[in-house]
Amino acid sequence: MRIAIHAFNGITMFHLSVPQLVFTEVDRLGIAPEWTTVLWSADGGAVKTSEGHTLGPVEGPEALDGADILIMPSWPESLPEADADLVGHLRRAHARGAEIAGLCLGAFAVADTGLLAGRSAVTHWAAMERFSARHPDIAVDTSVLYIDHGDVMTSAGTASGLDACLHLVRKHLGAAAANRLARAMVVAPHREGGQAQYIERPVPRAGSDTPIAEVMAWALGNLDTPLHIDALAERARLSRRSFVRRFRESTGSTPARWVLDQRLDKARELLETTSWGVDRIASHCGFGSEVTLRQNFNARYATTPGRYRRRFSGQSG
């Protein structure tokens, strides 16, 4: 997998480092040694970051040849329209089958290509109104951290780029690989602006003694048991109302949605790493029956457990 990451004068080190951190860690951990990243800019040469550091020289547009994923990690805060050369590079890469991802303000450059026309997108919450005004044919979703259409994806502001990149790992290498990567990076729940939090498997901070973190850690180890809201609230020593409110503040999700996410995520990992039957996996993950697992799995991932296993079993090392 070759990932080409766009750099430009004035980009922040953080935005540029996020995809590099995630995708080079895939290689470092031996999950998929063939994953490589390359930095490129419109004209090659050196790039000066907003912090004043000089990087490079980086590669030019020729770096896109053979790239499987193109990442636009950000975009200048003045939000200029992508020029014809950049639009052409992205559209040609897309036409030959490369995935295009616009993280944070990078969604503007991706939208300028026309590849999102008639579809939905997300960007940093502070730029959503300008995004809608510039691209009224694109539905802006204010409630998610990223949207993946399969060929084109966008993510919300700043740190949600981590979630989007982890999603790409999960998409191509499976849940076990993404979970291993998240543990190595110690990714924890966070909120970004006013946007809803969507973390597929939040990792409570090590040593955290907050009631919510303790309940989350306990629930992850007891997915095969009933995890009703009242029982979780009682374990946290909070009223139901206070528990739901504080849980949403911590994760951006409702307890019920989070529990379902964890059960589905665990089911995916077991499909990849064991030879267990679907009925045993359903029981272990707390679905109660094979039918319930299949229904929820298909509703979330648009595939069956069997097809998922055939695609990812043995891939994630």
C-alpha atoms as a PDB file:
ATOM      1  CA  MET A   1       0.000   0.000   0.000  1.00  0.00           C
ATOM      2  CA  ARG A   2       1.526   3.325  -1.058  1.00  0.00           C
ATOM      3  CA  ILE A   3       0.137   6.452   0.622  1.00  0.00           C
ATOM      4  CA  ALA A   4       0.945   9.876  -0.844  1.00  0.00           C
ATOM      5  CA  ILE A   5       0.543  12.767   1.633  1.00  0.00           C
ATOM      6  CA  HIS A   6       0.242  16.312   0.292  1.00  0.00           C
ATOM      7  CA  ALA A   7       2.389  19.031   1.865  1.00  0.00           C
ATOM      8  CA  PHE A   8       2.276  22.776   1.270  1.00  0.00           C
ATOM      9  CA  ASN A   9       3.954  25.877   2.648  1.00  0.00           C
ATOM     10  CA  GLY A  10       2.265  26.860   5.885  1.00  0.00           C
ATOM     11  CA  ILE A  11       0.919  23.424   6.841  1.00  0.00           C
ATOM     12  CA  THR A  12       1.168  22.598  10.534  1.00  0.00           C
ATOM     13  CA  MET A  13       3.474  19.861  11.732  1.00  0.00           C
ATOM     14  CA  PHE A  14       0.538  18.230  13.502  1.00  0.00           C
ATOM     15  CA  HIS A  15      -1.629  17.868  10.407  1.00  0.00           C
ATOM     16  CA  LEU A  16       1.305  16.583   8.398  1.00  0.00           C
ATOM     17  CA  SER A  17       2.376  14.133  11.086  1.00  0.00           C
ATOM     18  CA  VAL A  18      -0.995  12.478  11.750  1.00  0.00           C
ATOM     19  CA  PRO A  19      -1.181  10.251   8.637  1.00  0.00           C
ATOM     20  CA  GLN A  20       2.563   9.603   8.762  1.00  0.00           C
ATOM     21  CA  LEU A  21       2.334   8.497  12.393  1.00  0.00           C
ATOM     22  CA  VAL A  22      -0.525   6.081  11.754  1.00  0.00           C
ATOM     23  CA  PHE A  23       0.684   4.569   8.500  1.00  0.00           C
ATOM     24  CA  THR A  24       4.379   4.285   9.382  1.00  0.00           C
ATOM     25  CA  GLU A  25       3.371   2.620  12.658  1.00  0.00           C
ATOM     26  CA  VAL A  26       1.644  -0.055  10.573  1.00  0.00           C
ATOM     27  CA  ASP A  27       5.046  -0.814   9.077  1.00  0.00           C
ATOM     28  CA  ARG A  28       7.000  -0.449  12.341  1.00  0.00           C
ATOM     29  CA  LEU A  29       4.774  -2.917  14.177  1.00  0.00           C
ATOM     30  CA  GLY A  30       5.128  -5.418  11.348  1.00  0.00           C
ATOM     31  CA  ILE A  31       1.378  -5.386  10.695  1.00  0.00           C
ATOM     32  CA  ALA A  32       1.852  -4.675   6.991  1.00  0.00           C
ATOM     33  CA  PRO A  33       5.512  -3.960   6.121  1.00  0.00           C
ATOM     34  CA  GLU A  34       4.574  -3.138   2.539  1.00  0.00           C
ATOM     35  CA  TRP A  35       2.750   0.032   3.625  1.00  0.00           C
ATOM     36  CA  THR A  36       4.845   3.071   2.710  1.00  0.00           C
ATOM     37  CA  THR A  37       4.293   6.829   2.850  1.00  0.00           C
ATOM     38  CA  VAL A  38       5.663   9.637   0.723  1.00  0.00           C
ATOM     39  CA  LEU A  39       5.360  13.410   1.052  1.00  0.00           C
ATOM     40  CA  TRP A  40       4.727  15.438  -2.068  1.00  0.00           C
ATOM     41  CA  SER A  41       3.959  19.002  -3.023  1.00  0.00           C
ATOM     42  CA  ALA A  42       2.797  20.771  -6.156  1.00  0.00           C
ATOM     43  CA  ASP A  43       6.331  21.547  -7.319  1.00  0.00           C
ATOM     44  CA  GLY A  44       8.539  19.330  -5.158  1.00  0.00           C
ATOM     45  CA  GLY A  45      11.411  20.895  -3.269  1.00  0.00           C
ATOM     46  CA  ALA A  46      11.360  22.041   0.345  1.00  0.00           C
ATOM     47  CA  VAL A  47       8.223  22.892   2.337  1.00  0.00           C
ATOM     48  CA  LYS A  48       8.159  25.344   5.235  1.00  0.00           C
ATOM     49  CA  THR A  49       5.669  24.530   7.990  1.00  0.00           C
ATOM     50  CA  SER A  50       3.654  27.063   9.970  1.00  0.00           C
ATOM     51  CA  GLU A  51       5.993  26.468  12.903  1.00  0.00           C
ATOM     52  CA  GLY A  52       8.951  27.593  10.792  1.00  0.00           C
ATOM     53  CA  HIS A  53      10.524  24.192  10.140  1.00  0.00           C
ATOM     54  CA  THR A  54      11.793  23.347   6.677  1.00  0.00           C
ATOM     55  CA  LEU A  55      11.082  19.859   5.366  1.00  0.00           C
ATOM     56  CA  GLY A  56      12.491  18.361   2.276  1.00  0.00           C
ATOM     57  CA  PRO A  57      13.034  18.368  -0.431  1.00  0.00           C
ATOM     58  CA  VAL A  58       9.799  16.430  -0.829  1.00  0.00           C
ATOM     59  CA  GLU A  59       8.680  14.753  -4.016  1.00  0.00           C
ATOM     60  CA  GLY A  60       6.636  16.350  -6.763  1.00  0.00           C
ATOM     61  CA  PRO A  61       3.392  15.158  -8.388  1.00  0.00           C
ATOM     62  CA  GLU A  62       5.228  12.159  -9.818  1.00  0.00           C
ATOM     63  CA  ALA A  63       4.891  10.686  -6.315  1.00  0.00           C
ATOM     64  CA  LEU A  64       1.241  10.050  -7.123  1.00  0.00           C
ATOM     65  CA  ASP A  65       2.133   7.453  -9.738  1.00  0.00           C
ATOM     66  CA  GLY A  66       1.037   4.125  -8.312  1.00  0.00           C
ATOM     67  CA  ALA A  67      -0.225   5.596  -5.023  1.00  0.00           C
ATOM     68  CA  ASP A  68      -3.156   3.662  -3.554  1.00  0.00           C
ATOM     69  CA  ILE A  69      -4.320   6.395  -1.169  1.00  0.00           C
ATOM     70  CA  LEU A  70      -3.910  10.164  -1.512  1.00  0.00           C
ATOM     71  CA  ILE A  71      -4.155  12.159   1.699  1.00  0.00           C
ATOM     72  CA  MET A  72      -4.886  15.897   1.803  1.00  0.00           C
ATOM     73  CA  PRO A  73      -4.066  16.354   5.505  1.00  0.00           C
ATOM     74  CA  SER A  74      -5.122  20.004   5.652  1.00  0.00           C
ATOM     75  CA  TRP A  75      -5.483  23.157   3.551  1.00  0.00           C
ATOM     76  CA  PRO A  76      -4.444  26.817   4.003  1.00  0.00           C
ATOM     77  CA  GLU A  77      -6.678  28.673   6.458  1.00  0.00           C
ATOM     78  CA  SER A  78      -7.502  31.227   3.742  1.00  0.00           C
ATOM     79  CA  LEU A  79      -9.254  28.337   1.969  1.00  0.00           C
ATOM     80  CA  PRO A  80      -8.139  29.053  -1.614  1.00  0.00           C
ATOM     81  CA  GLU A  81      -9.766  27.033  -4.349  1.00  0.00           C
ATOM     82  CA  ALA A  82      -7.651  24.109  -5.474  1.00  0.00           C
ATOM     83  CA  ASP A  83      -5.907  25.049  -8.713  1.00  0.00           C
ATOM     84  CA  ALA A  84      -6.414  23.204 -11.968  1.00  0.00           C
ATOM     85  CA  ASP A  85      -3.166  21.238 -11.630  1.00  0.00           C
ATOM     86  CA  LEU A  86      -4.043  19.853  -8.200  1.00  0.00           C
ATOM     87  CA  VAL A  87      -7.600  19.079  -9.258  1.00  0.00           C
ATOM     88  CA  GLY A  88      -6.249  17.248 -12.273  1.00  0.00           C
ATOM     89  CA  HIS A  89      -3.794  15.211 -10.194  1.00  0.00           C
ATOM     90  CA  LEU A  90      -6.501  14.118  -7.749  1.00  0.00           C
ATOM     91  CA  ARG A  91      -9.085  13.338 -10.418  1.00  0.00           C
ATOM     92  CA  ARG A  92      -6.642  11.273 -12.476  1.00  0.00           C
ATOM     93  CA  ALA A  93      -5.558   9.322  -9.404  1.00  0.00           C
ATOM     94  CA  HIS A  94      -9.202   8.710  -8.504  1.00  0.00           C
ATOM     95  CA  ALA A  95      -9.996   7.584 -12.055  1.00  0.00           C
ATOM     96  CA  ARG A  96      -7.326   4.878 -11.876  1.00  0.00           C
ATOM     97  CA  GLY A  97      -8.702   3.599  -8.558  1.00  0.00           C
ATOM     98  CA  ALA A  98      -6.821   5.465  -5.818  1.00  0.00           C
ATOM     99  CA  GLU A  99      -8.727   6.469  -2.685  1.00  0.00           C
ATOM    100  CA  ILE A 100      -8.797  10.186  -1.905  1.00  0.00           C
ATOM    101  CA  ALA A 101      -8.990  11.458   1.684  1.00  0.00           C
ATOM    102  CA  GLY A 102      -9.383  15.058   2.835  1.00  0.00           C
ATOM    103  CA  LEU A 103      -8.625  15.479   6.539  1.00  0.00           C
ATOM    104  CA  CYS A 104      -9.830  18.561   8.397  1.00  0.00           C
ATOM    105  CA  LEU A 105      -9.653  21.551   5.993  1.00  0.00           C
ATOM    106  CA  GLY A 106      -8.250  19.190   3.368  1.00  0.00           C
ATOM    107  CA  ALA A 107     -11.898  18.403   2.668  1.00  0.00           C
ATOM    108  CA  PHE A 108     -12.078  21.728   0.800  1.00  0.00           C
ATOM    109  CA  ALA A 109      -9.453  20.683  -1.730  1.00  0.00           C
ATOM    110  CA  VAL A 110     -11.115  17.307  -2.234  1.00  0.00           C
ATOM    111  CA  ALA A 111     -14.522  18.941  -2.674  1.00  0.00           C
ATOM    112  CA  ASP A 112     -13.053  21.318  -5.278  1.00  0.00           C
ATOM    113  CA  THR A 113     -12.379  18.309  -7.508  1.00  0.00           C
ATOM    114  CA  GLY A 114     -16.109  17.608  -7.857  1.00  0.00           C
ATOM    115  CA  LEU A 115     -15.658  14.069  -6.561  1.00  0.00           C
ATOM    116  CA  LEU A 116     -18.071  14.731  -3.689  1.00  0.00           C
ATOM    117  CA  ALA A 117     -20.844  16.320  -5.738  1.00  0.00           C
ATOM    118  CA  GLY A 118     -24.217  14.997  -4.604  1.00  0.00           C
ATOM    119  CA  ARG A 119     -22.676  13.208  -1.649  1.00  0.00           C
ATOM    120  CA  SER A 120     -21.982  14.015   2.004  1.00  0.00           C
ATOM    121  CA  ALA A 121     -18.848  15.326   3.656  1.00  0.00           C
ATOM    122  CA  VAL A 122     -17.481  16.669   6.913  1.00  0.00           C
ATOM    123  CA  THR A 123     -14.776  19.187   7.763  1.00  0.00           C
ATOM    124  CA  HIS A 124     -13.645  21.231  10.745  1.00  0.00           C
ATOM    125  CA  TRP A 125     -16.689  22.549  12.591  1.00  0.00           C
ATOM    126  CA  ALA A 126     -15.489  26.166  12.319  1.00  0.00           C
ATOM    127  CA  ALA A 127     -15.383  25.975   8.513  1.00  0.00           C
ATOM    128  CA  MET A 128     -18.637  24.153   7.868  1.00  0.00           C
ATOM    129  CA  GLU A 129     -20.623  27.243   6.873  1.00  0.00           C
ATOM    130  CA  ARG A 130     -17.959  28.276   4.374  1.00  0.00           C
ATOM    131  CA  PHE A 131     -17.827  24.721   3.058  1.00  0.00           C
ATOM    132  CA  SER A 132     -21.608  24.668   2.506  1.00  0.00           C
ATOM    133  CA  ALA A 133     -21.553  28.075   0.815  1.00  0.00           C
ATOM    134  CA  ARG A 134     -18.786  26.961  -1.537  1.00  0.00           C
ATOM    135  CA  HIS A 135     -20.273  23.552  -2.276  1.00  0.00           C
ATOM    136  CA  PRO A 136     -24.068  23.696  -1.857  1.00  0.00           C
ATOM    137  CA  ASP A 137     -24.353  20.398  -3.742  1.00  0.00           C
ATOM    138  CA  ILE A 138     -22.577  18.568  -0.889  1.00  0.00           C
ATOM    139  CA  ALA A 139     -24.484  17.645   2.274  1.00  0.00           C
ATOM    140  CA  VAL A 140     -22.405  18.594   5.329  1.00  0.00           C
ATOM    141  CA  ASP A 141     -22.837  16.209   8.258  1.00  0.00           C
ATOM    142  CA  THR A 142     -22.189  17.913  11.583  1.00  0.00           C
ATOM    143  CA  SER A 143     -22.528  14.774  13.705  1.00  0.00           C
ATOM    144  CA  VAL A 144     -19.611  12.560  12.655  1.00  0.00           C
ATOM    145  CA  LEU A 145     -15.829  12.547  12.745  1.00  0.00           C
ATOM    146  CA  TYR A 146     -15.396  11.081   9.283  1.00  0.00           C
ATOM    147  CA  ILE A 147     -17.377   9.934   6.258  1.00  0.00           C
ATOM    148  CA  ASP A 148     -16.056   7.253   3.930  1.00  0.00           C
ATOM    149  CA  HIS A 149     -17.771   6.727   0.583  1.00  0.00           C
ATOM    150  CA  GLY A 150     -15.344   3.976  -0.334  1.00  0.00           C
ATOM    151  CA  ASP A 151     -13.468   5.985  -2.950  1.00  0.00           C
ATOM    152  CA  VAL A 152     -13.480   9.401  -1.261  1.00  0.00           C
ATOM    153  CA  MET A 153     -13.505  10.260   2.425  1.00  0.00           C
ATOM    154  CA  THR A 154     -13.402  13.386   4.566  1.00  0.00           C
ATOM    155  CA  SER A 155     -12.832  13.957   8.264  1.00  0.00           C
ATOM    156  CA  ALA A 156     -13.646  16.597  10.833  1.00  0.00           C
ATOM    157  CA  GLY A 157     -11.219  18.900  12.603  1.00  0.00           C
ATOM    158  CA  THR A 158      -7.685  18.353  13.795  1.00  0.00           C
ATOM    159  CA  ALA A 159      -7.286  15.177  15.893  1.00  0.00           C
ATOM    160  CA  SER A 160     -10.200  13.395  14.193  1.00  0.00           C
ATOM    161  CA  GLY A 161      -7.708  12.779  11.396  1.00  0.00           C
ATOM    162  CA  LEU A 162      -6.324  10.064  13.671  1.00  0.00           C
ATOM    163  CA  ASP A 163      -9.716   8.377  13.703  1.00  0.00           C
ATOM    164  CA  ALA A 164      -9.992   8.633   9.930  1.00  0.00           C
ATOM    165  CA  CYS A 165      -6.542   7.144   9.385  1.00  0.00           C
ATOM    166  CA  LEU A 166      -7.234   4.335  11.859  1.00  0.00           C
ATOM    167  CA  HIS A 167     -10.445   3.705   9.932  1.00  0.00           C
ATOM    168  CA  LEU A 168      -8.418   3.276   6.734  1.00  0.00           C
ATOM    169  CA  VAL A 169      -6.208   0.742   8.508  1.00  0.00           C
ATOM    170  CA  ARG A 170      -9.285  -1.092   9.753  1.00  0.00           C
ATOM    171  CA  LYS A 171     -10.838  -0.979   6.294  1.00  0.00           C
ATOM    172  CA  HIS A 172      -7.841  -2.489   4.527  1.00  0.00           C
ATOM    173  CA  LEU A 173      -6.232  -4.657   7.224  1.00  0.00           C
ATOM    174  CA  GLY A 174      -9.131  -5.504   9.528  1.00  0.00           C
ATOM    175  CA  ALA A 175     -10.206  -4.811  13.089  1.00  0.00           C
ATOM    176  CA  ALA A 176      -7.417  -6.719  14.832  1.00  0.00           C
ATOM    177  CA  ALA A 177      -4.754  -4.678  13.039  1.00  0.00           C
ATOM    178  CA  ALA A 178      -6.468  -1.379  13.813  1.00  0.00           C
ATOM    179  CA  ASN A 179      -7.009  -2.302  17.464  1.00  0.00           C
ATOM    180  CA  ARG A 180      -3.380  -3.328  17.871  1.00  0.00           C
ATOM    181  CA  LEU A 181      -2.304  -0.048  16.295  1.00  0.00           C
ATOM    182  CA  ALA A 182      -4.634   1.982  18.533  1.00  0.00           C
ATOM    183  CA  ARG A 183      -3.280   0.274  21.640  1.00  0.00           C
ATOM    184  CA  ALA A 184       0.292   0.979  20.567  1.00  0.00           C
ATOM    185  CA  MET A 185      -0.563   4.643  20.005  1.00  0.00           C
ATOM    186  CA  VAL A 186      -2.580   4.832  23.264  1.00  0.00           C
ATOM    187  CA  VAL A 187      -5.476   6.481  21.459  1.00  0.00           C
ATOM    188  CA  ALA A 188      -7.996   7.764  23.991  1.00  0.00           C
ATOM    189  CA  PRO A 189     -11.540   9.185  23.649  1.00  0.00           C
ATOM    190  CA  HIS A 190     -11.639  12.874  22.853  1.00  0.00           C
ATOM    191  CA  ARG A 191     -14.019  15.540  21.587  1.00  0.00           C
ATOM    192  CA  GLU A 192     -13.332  18.006  18.823  1.00  0.00           C
ATOM    193  CA  GLY A 193     -15.302  21.250  18.894  1.00  0.00           C
ATOM    194  CA  GLY A 194     -19.030  20.628  18.943  1.00  0.00           C
ATOM    195  CA  GLN A 195     -18.948  17.597  16.706  1.00  0.00           C
ATOM    196  CA  ALA A 196     -20.117  14.171  17.815  1.00  0.00           C
ATOM    197  CA  GLN A 197     -17.477  11.723  18.887  1.00  0.00           C
ATOM    198  CA  TYR A 198     -17.170   8.459  16.971  1.00  0.00           C
ATOM    199  CA  ILE A 199     -14.471   6.123  18.233  1.00  0.00           C
ATOM    200  CA  GLU A 200     -14.882   2.498  17.223  1.00  0.00           C
ATOM    201  CA  ARG A 201     -12.973   1.154  20.223  1.00  0.00           C
ATOM    202  CA  PRO A 202     -12.058   3.833  22.713  1.00  0.00           C
ATOM    203  CA  VAL A 203      -9.096   2.975  24.902  1.00  0.00           C
ATOM    204  CA  PRO A 204      -9.458   4.316  28.467  1.00  0.00           C
ATOM    205  CA  ARG A 205      -6.349   6.116  29.681  1.00  0.00           C
ATOM    206  CA  ALA A 206      -3.995   3.847  31.573  1.00  0.00           C
ATOM    207  CA  GLY A 207      -4.468   4.205  35.300  1.00  0.00           C
ATOM    208  CA  SER A 208      -7.574   6.344  34.912  1.00  0.00           C
ATOM    209  CA  ASP A 209      -9.778   6.211  37.971  1.00  0.00           C
ATOM    210  CA  THR A 210     -12.735   8.121  36.563  1.00  0.00           C
ATOM    211  CA  PRO A 211     -16.050   6.276  36.899  1.00  0.00           C
ATOM    212  CA  ILE A 212     -16.684   6.355  33.142  1.00  0.00           C
ATOM    213  CA  ALA A 213     -13.228   5.003  32.263  1.00  0.00           C
ATOM    214  CA  GLU A 214     -13.581   2.268  34.873  1.00  0.00           C
ATOM    215  CA  VAL A 215     -16.977   1.221  33.538  1.00  0.00           C
ATOM    216  CA  MET A 216     -15.712   1.218  29.961  1.00  0.00           C
ATOM    217  CA  ALA A 217     -12.738  -0.936  30.878  1.00  0.00           C
ATOM    218  CA  TRP A 218     -14.990  -3.342  32.813  1.00  0.00           C
ATOM    219  CA  ALA A 219     -17.529  -3.526  29.982  1.00  0.00           C
ATOM    220  CA  LEU A 220     -14.836  -4.352  27.413  1.00  0.00           C
ATOM    221  CA  GLY A 221     -13.930  -7.388  29.523  1.00  0.00           C
ATOM    222  CA  ASN A 222     -17.538  -8.468  29.994  1.00  0.00           C
ATOM    223  CA  LEU A 223     -19.149  -8.094  26.580  1.00  0.00           C
ATOM    224  CA  ASP A 224     -20.750 -11.525  26.942  1.00  0.00           C
ATOM    225  CA  THR A 225     -22.953 -10.300  29.794  1.00  0.00           C
ATOM    226  CA  PRO A 226     -26.021  -8.031  29.697  1.00  0.00           C
ATOM    227  CA  LEU A 227     -24.781  -4.436  29.749  1.00  0.00           C
ATOM    228  CA  HIS A 228     -27.934  -2.458  30.407  1.00  0.00           C
ATOM    229  CA  ILE A 229     -27.654   1.245  31.116  1.00  0.00           C
ATOM    230  CA  ASP A 230     -29.003   0.945  34.654  1.00  0.00           C
ATOM    231  CA  ALA A 231     -26.426  -1.729  35.518  1.00  0.00           C
ATOM    232  CA  LEU A 232     -23.589   0.352  34.072  1.00  0.00           C
ATOM    233  CA  ALA A 233     -24.789   3.446  35.918  1.00  0.00           C
ATOM    234  CA  GLU A 234     -24.956   1.513  39.172  1.00  0.00           C
ATOM    235  CA  ARG A 235     -21.408   0.234  38.652  1.00  0.00           C
ATOM    236  CA  ALA A 236     -20.265   3.833  38.116  1.00  0.00           C
ATOM    237  CA  ARG A 237     -22.146   4.816  41.297  1.00  0.00           C
ATOM    238  CA  LEU A 238     -24.091   7.430  39.347  1.00  0.00           C
ATOM    239  CA  SER A 239     -27.750   8.018  38.658  1.00  0.00           C
ATOM    240  CA  ARG A 240     -28.930   6.902  35.239  1.00  0.00           C
ATOM    241  CA  ARG A 241     -29.291  10.509  34.074  1.00  0.00           C
ATOM    242  CA  SER A 242     -25.852  11.570  35.332  1.00  0.00           C
ATOM    243  CA  PHE A 243     -24.240   8.457  33.875  1.00  0.00           C
ATOM    244  CA  VAL A 244     -25.703   9.014  30.400  1.00  0.00           C
ATOM    245  CA  ARG A 245     -24.701  12.680  30.449  1.00  0.00           C
ATOM    246  CA  ARG A 246     -21.144  12.034  31.611  1.00  0.00           C
ATOM    247  CA  PHE A 247     -20.745   9.097  29.241  1.00  0.00           C
ATOM    248  CA  ARG A 248     -21.724  11.277  26.285  1.00  0.00           C
ATOM    249  CA  GLU A 249     -19.350  14.011  27.462  1.00  0.00           C
ATOM    250  CA  SER A 250     -16.511  11.466  27.598  1.00  0.00           C
ATOM    251  CA  THR A 251     -17.178   9.569  24.378  1.00  0.00           C
ATOM    252  CA  GLY A 252     -19.668  11.570  22.311  1.00  0.00           C
ATOM    253  CA  SER A 253     -21.838   8.451  22.172  1.00  0.00           C
ATOM    254  CA  THR A 254     -24.725   6.965  24.119  1.00  0.00           C
ATOM    255  CA  PRO A 255     -23.918   3.953  26.314  1.00  0.00           C
ATOM    256  CA  ALA A 256     -26.116   1.677  24.200  1.00  0.00           C
ATOM    257  CA  ARG A 257     -24.465   2.739  20.943  1.00  0.00           C
ATOM    258  CA  TRP A 258     -21.010   2.390  22.447  1.00  0.00           C
ATOM    259  CA  VAL A 259     -21.739  -1.121  23.751  1.00  0.00           C
ATOM    260  CA  LEU A 260     -23.032  -2.181  20.317  1.00  0.00           C
ATOM    261  CA  ASP A 261     -19.899  -0.726  18.694  1.00  0.00           C
ATOM    262  CA  GLN A 262     -17.664  -2.715  21.045  1.00  0.00           C
ATOM    263  CA  ARG A 263     -19.592  -5.947  20.472  1.00  0.00           C
ATOM    264  CA  LEU A 264     -19.399  -5.570  16.711  1.00  0.00           C
ATOM    265  CA  ASP A 265     -15.734  -4.655  16.901  1.00  0.00           C
ATOM    266  CA  LYS A 266     -14.988  -7.719  19.045  1.00  0.00           C
ATOM    267  CA  ALA A 267     -16.958  -9.895  16.634  1.00  0.00           C
ATOM    268  CA  ARG A 268     -14.829  -8.643  13.752  1.00  0.00           C
ATOM    269  CA  GLU A 269     -11.639  -9.376  15.667  1.00  0.00           C
ATOM    270  CA  LEU A 270     -12.782 -12.921  16.488  1.00  0.00           C
ATOM    271  CA  LEU A 271     -13.795 -13.523  12.866  1.00  0.00           C
ATOM    272  CA  GLU A 272     -10.276 -12.575  11.844  1.00  0.00           C
ATOM    273  CA  THR A 273      -8.282 -14.355  14.537  1.00  0.00           C
ATOM    274  CA  THR A 274     -10.233 -17.505  15.441  1.00  0.00           C
ATOM    275  CA  SER A 275     -12.011 -20.389  13.744  1.00  0.00           C
ATOM    276  CA  TRP A 276     -15.004 -20.079  16.060  1.00  0.00           C
ATOM    277  CA  GLY A 277     -18.440 -20.525  14.570  1.00  0.00           C
ATOM    278  CA  VAL A 278     -20.682 -17.478  14.240  1.00  0.00           C
ATOM    279  CA  ASP A 279     -22.962 -18.803  17.000  1.00  0.00           C
ATOM    280  CA  ARG A 280     -20.061 -18.990  19.468  1.00  0.00           C
ATOM    281  CA  ILE A 281     -18.861 -15.514  18.487  1.00  0.00           C
ATOM    282  CA  ALA A 282     -22.390 -14.151  18.931  1.00  0.00           C
ATOM    283  CA  SER A 283     -22.555 -15.586  22.446  1.00  0.00           C
ATOM    284  CA  HIS A 284     -19.066 -14.386  23.388  1.00  0.00           C
ATOM    285  CA  CYS A 285     -19.853 -10.849  22.222  1.00  0.00           C
ATOM    286  CA  GLY A 286     -23.200 -10.647  23.990  1.00  0.00           C
ATOM    287  CA  PHE A 287     -25.553 -10.723  21.001  1.00  0.00           C
ATOM    288  CA  GLY A 288     -27.661 -13.512  22.421  1.00  0.00           C
ATOM    289  CA  SER A 289     -28.166 -15.262  19.095  1.00  0.00           C
ATOM    290  CA  GLU A 290     -26.462 -15.783  15.764  1.00  0.00           C
ATOM    291  CA  VAL A 291     -29.375 -14.087  14.011  1.00  0.00           C
ATOM    292  CA  THR A 292     -28.988 -10.922  16.086  1.00  0.00           C
ATOM    293  CA  LEU A 293     -25.257 -10.780  15.309  1.00  0.00           C
ATOM    294  CA  ARG A 294     -25.856 -11.289  11.582  1.00  0.00           C
ATOM    295  CA  GLN A 295     -28.527  -8.590  11.467  1.00  0.00           C
ATOM    296  CA  ASN A 296     -26.405  -6.020  13.293  1.00  0.00           C
ATOM    297  CA  PHE A 297     -23.262  -6.966  11.377  1.00  0.00           C
ATOM    298  CA  ASN A 298     -24.939  -6.596   8.002  1.00  0.00           C
ATOM    299  CA  ALA A 299     -26.631  -3.329   9.014  1.00  0.00           C
ATOM    300  CA  ARG A 300     -23.305  -1.809  10.086  1.00  0.00           C
ATOM    301  CA  TYR A 301     -20.863  -3.223   7.521  1.00  0.00           C
ATOM    302  CA  ALA A 302     -23.090  -4.186   4.569  1.00  0.00           C
ATOM    303  CA  THR A 303     -21.610  -7.677   4.528  1.00  0.00           C
ATOM    304  CA  THR A 304     -22.051 -10.986   6.296  1.00  0.00           C
ATOM    305  CA  PRO A 305     -19.753 -12.387   8.991  1.00  0.00           C
ATOM    306  CA  GLY A 306     -18.743 -15.154   6.586  1.00  0.00           C
ATOM    307  CA  ARG A 307     -17.721 -12.783   3.806  1.00  0.00           C
ATOM    308  CA  TYR A 308     -15.887 -10.593   6.297  1.00  0.00           C
ATOM    309  CA  ARG A 309     -13.928 -13.590   7.593  1.00  0.00           C
ATOM    310  CA  ARG A 310     -12.947 -14.690   4.088  1.00  0.00           C
ATOM    311  CA  ARG A 311     -11.617 -11.206   3.348  1.00  0.00           C
ATOM    312  CA  PHE A 312      -9.639 -10.536   6.517  1.00  0.00           C
ATOM    313  CA  SER A 313      -8.825 -13.846   8.203  1.00  0.00           C
ATOM    314  CA  GLY A 314      -5.071 -14.142   8.654  1.00  0.00           C
ATOM    315  CA  GLN A 315      -4.312 -10.706   7.190  1.00  0.00           C
ATOM    316  CA  SER A 316      -3.619  -8.703  10.270  1.00  0.00           C
ATOM    317  CA  GLY A 317      -0.753 -10.705  11.720  1.00  0.00           C
END
